[in-house]
C-alpha atoms as a PDB file:
ATOM      1  CA  MET A   1     130.535  87.760 104.594  1.00  0.00           C
ATOM      2  CA  LYS A   2     130.646  88.089 108.363  1.00  0.00           C
ATOM      3  CA  LYS A   3     129.803  85.338 110.882  1.00  0.00           C
ATOM      4  CA  THR A   4     126.389  87.045 111.654  1.00  0.00           C
ATOM      5  CA  ASP A   5     125.520  86.895 107.908  1.00  0.00           C
ATOM      6  CA  LEU A   6     126.487  83.135 107.768  1.00  0.00           C
ATOM      7  CA  ILE A   7     124.294  82.486 110.798  1.00  0.00           C
ATOM      8  CA  GLN A   8     121.414  84.462 109.168  1.00  0.00           C
ATOM      9  CA  ILE A   9     121.737  82.605 105.976  1.00  0.00           C
ATOM     10  CA  LEU A  10     121.809  79.174 107.580  1.00  0.00           C
ATOM     11  CA  THR A  11     118.787  80.110 109.701  1.00  0.00           C
ATOM     12  CA  GLU A  12     116.763  81.197 106.668  1.00  0.00           C
ATOM     13  CA  ASN A  13     117.674  77.921 104.722  1.00  0.00           C
ATOM     14  CA  SER A  14     116.872  75.616 107.536  1.00  0.00           C
ATOM     15  CA  ASN A  15     114.210  74.744 110.176  1.00  0.00           C
ATOM     16  CA  LEU A  16     116.465  75.672 113.047  1.00  0.00           C
ATOM     17  CA  ALA A  17     116.245  78.439 115.432  1.00  0.00           C
ATOM     18  CA  LYS A  18     118.836  81.300 115.054  1.00  0.00           C
ATOM     19  CA  SER A  19     120.172  80.412 118.596  1.00  0.00           C
ATOM     20  CA  ASP A  20     120.716  76.869 117.641  1.00  0.00           C
ATOM     21  CA  VAL A  21     122.483  77.847 114.407  1.00  0.00           C
ATOM     22  CA  LYS A  22     124.790  80.343 116.332  1.00  0.00           C
ATOM     23  CA  ILE A  23     125.680  77.597 118.754  1.00  0.00           C
ATOM     24  CA  MET A  24     126.623  75.201 115.910  1.00  0.00           C
ATOM     25  CA  VAL A  25     128.734  77.866 114.013  1.00  0.00           C
ATOM     26  CA  ASP A  26     130.479  78.634 117.209  1.00  0.00           C
ATOM     27  CA  LEU A  27     131.176  74.874 117.764  1.00  0.00           C
ATOM     28  CA  ILE A  28     132.440  74.306 114.382  1.00  0.00           C
ATOM     29  CA  LEU A  29     134.761  77.257 114.408  1.00  0.00           C
ATOM     30  CA  GLU A  30     135.874  76.181 118.063  1.00  0.00           C
ATOM     31  CA  ARG A  31     136.809  72.848 116.765  1.00  0.00           C
ATOM     32  CA  ILE A  32     138.624  74.013 113.714  1.00  0.00           C
ATOM     33  CA  THR A  33     140.700  76.358 115.891  1.00  0.00           C
ATOM     34  CA  SER A  34     141.525  73.671 118.399  1.00  0.00           C
ATOM     35  CA  SER A  35     142.486  71.329 115.711  1.00  0.00           C
ATOM     36  CA  ILE A  36     144.864  73.826 114.037  1.00  0.00           C
ATOM     37  CA  VAL A  37     146.437  74.885 117.345  1.00  0.00           C
ATOM     38  CA  SER A  38     147.054  71.268 118.211  1.00  0.00           C
ATOM     39  CA  GLY A  39     148.880  70.685 114.765  1.00  0.00           C
ATOM     40  CA  GLU A  40     146.211  68.177 113.637  1.00  0.00           C
ATOM     41  CA  GLY A  41     144.678  70.584 111.140  1.00  0.00           C
ATOM     42  CA  VAL A  42     141.325  70.347 109.207  1.00  0.00           C
ATOM     43  CA  GLU A  43     140.715  69.130 105.700  1.00  0.00           C
ATOM     44  CA  ILE A  44     137.458  69.691 103.868  1.00  0.00           C
ATOM     45  CA  ARG A  45     137.565  67.799 100.547  1.00  0.00           C
ATOM     46  CA  GLY A  46     136.776  70.148  97.564  1.00  0.00           C
ATOM     47  CA  PHE A  47     137.180  73.208  99.799  1.00  0.00           C
ATOM     48  CA  GLY A  48     140.552  73.192 101.379  1.00  0.00           C
ATOM     49  CA  ALA A  49     142.697  72.677 104.494  1.00  0.00           C
ATOM     50  CA  PHE A  50     143.292  74.695 107.556  1.00  0.00           C
ATOM     51  CA  LEU A  51     146.807  74.000 109.129  1.00  0.00           C
ATOM     52  CA  LYS A  52     149.428  75.493 111.311  1.00  0.00           C
ATOM     53  CA  LYS A  53     152.675  76.548 109.481  1.00  0.00           C
ATOM     54  CA  HIS A  54     156.052  77.092 111.009  1.00  0.00           C
ATOM     55  CA  ARG A  55     157.985  80.133 109.997  1.00  0.00           C
ATOM     56  CA  LYS A  56     161.794  80.274 110.801  1.00  0.00           C
ATOM     57  CA  ALA A  57     163.510  83.211 112.499  1.00  0.00           C
ATOM     58  CA  ARG A  58     164.562  85.844 110.003  1.00  0.00           C
ATOM     59  CA  GLN A  59     166.055  89.300 109.709  1.00  0.00           C
ATOM     60  CA  GLY A  60     163.315  91.898 109.291  1.00  0.00           C
ATOM     61  CA  ILE A  61     163.524  95.589 108.274  1.00  0.00           C
ATOM     62  CA  ASN A  62     161.290  98.358 109.754  1.00  0.00           C
ATOM     63  CA  PRO A  63     159.769 100.115 106.760  1.00  0.00           C
ATOM     64  CA  LYS A  64     159.767 103.508 108.530  1.00  0.00           C
ATOM     65  CA  THR A  65     163.323 103.635 110.007  1.00  0.00           C
ATOM     66  CA  SER A  66     165.031 101.137 107.773  1.00  0.00           C
ATOM     67  CA  GLU A  67     166.246  99.588 111.068  1.00  0.00           C
ATOM     68  CA  ARG A  68     167.106  95.906 110.833  1.00  0.00           C
ATOM     69  CA  THR A  69     165.553  93.730 113.438  1.00  0.00           C
ATOM     70  CA  GLN A  70     165.429  90.040 114.320  1.00  0.00           C
ATOM     71  CA  VAL A  71     162.027  88.384 113.879  1.00  0.00           C
ATOM     72  CA  GLY A  72     161.754  85.183 115.991  1.00  0.00           C
ATOM     73  CA  GLU A  73     160.433  81.939 114.804  1.00  0.00           C
ATOM     74  CA  LYS A  74     156.596  81.425 115.053  1.00  0.00           C
ATOM     75  CA  TYR A  75     153.576  79.389 113.908  1.00  0.00           C
ATOM     76  CA  VAL A  76     150.904  80.964 111.726  1.00  0.00           C
ATOM     77  CA  PRO A  77     147.427  79.669 110.753  1.00  0.00           C
ATOM     78  CA  PHE A  78     147.399  78.784 107.003  1.00  0.00           C
ATOM     79  CA  PHE A  79     144.655  77.887 104.460  1.00  0.00           C
ATOM     80  CA  LYS A  80     145.382  75.820 101.377  1.00  0.00           C
ATOM     81  CA  PRO A  81     142.438  75.945  98.976  1.00  0.00           C
ATOM     82  CA  GLY A  82     141.298  72.678  97.415  1.00  0.00           C
ATOM     83  CA  LYS A  83     141.016  71.961  93.854  1.00  0.00           C
ATOM     84  CA  GLY A  84     137.077  72.412  93.729  1.00  0.00           C
ATOM     85  CA  LEU A  85     137.455  75.858  95.303  1.00  0.00           C
ATOM     86  CA  LYS A  86     140.221  77.001  92.951  1.00  0.00           C
ATOM     87  CA  GLU A  87     138.222  75.880  89.805  1.00  0.00           C
ATOM     88  CA  MET A  88     135.093  77.748  91.142  1.00  0.00           C
ATOM     89  CA  VAL A  89     137.057  80.901  91.781  1.00  0.00           C
ATOM     90  CA  ASN A  90     138.656  80.815  88.402  1.00  0.00           C
ATOM     91  CA  LYS A  91     135.323  80.460  86.601  1.00  0.00           C
ATOM     92  CA  GLY A  92     134.241  83.610  88.331  1.00  0.00           C
END
């Protein structure tokens, strides 16, 4: 599902205009992003948590040339699924 698909589904299932739904979806995504960047994270019970995870510096290997290179430390976005989501996925 793409962002436009989500906006279309929410528009069809509500009494809101498409432009209003787009603004709300953009606002929610912006707030989730800023919370992850700040290190605060976002937890949605039953669905999961979005957080920022630290990765230590490590030795990497270029798969084409087999050359070893140093990969610096960095932060990456991380999603941890909640119990409810895991159960729904496993049910199929």
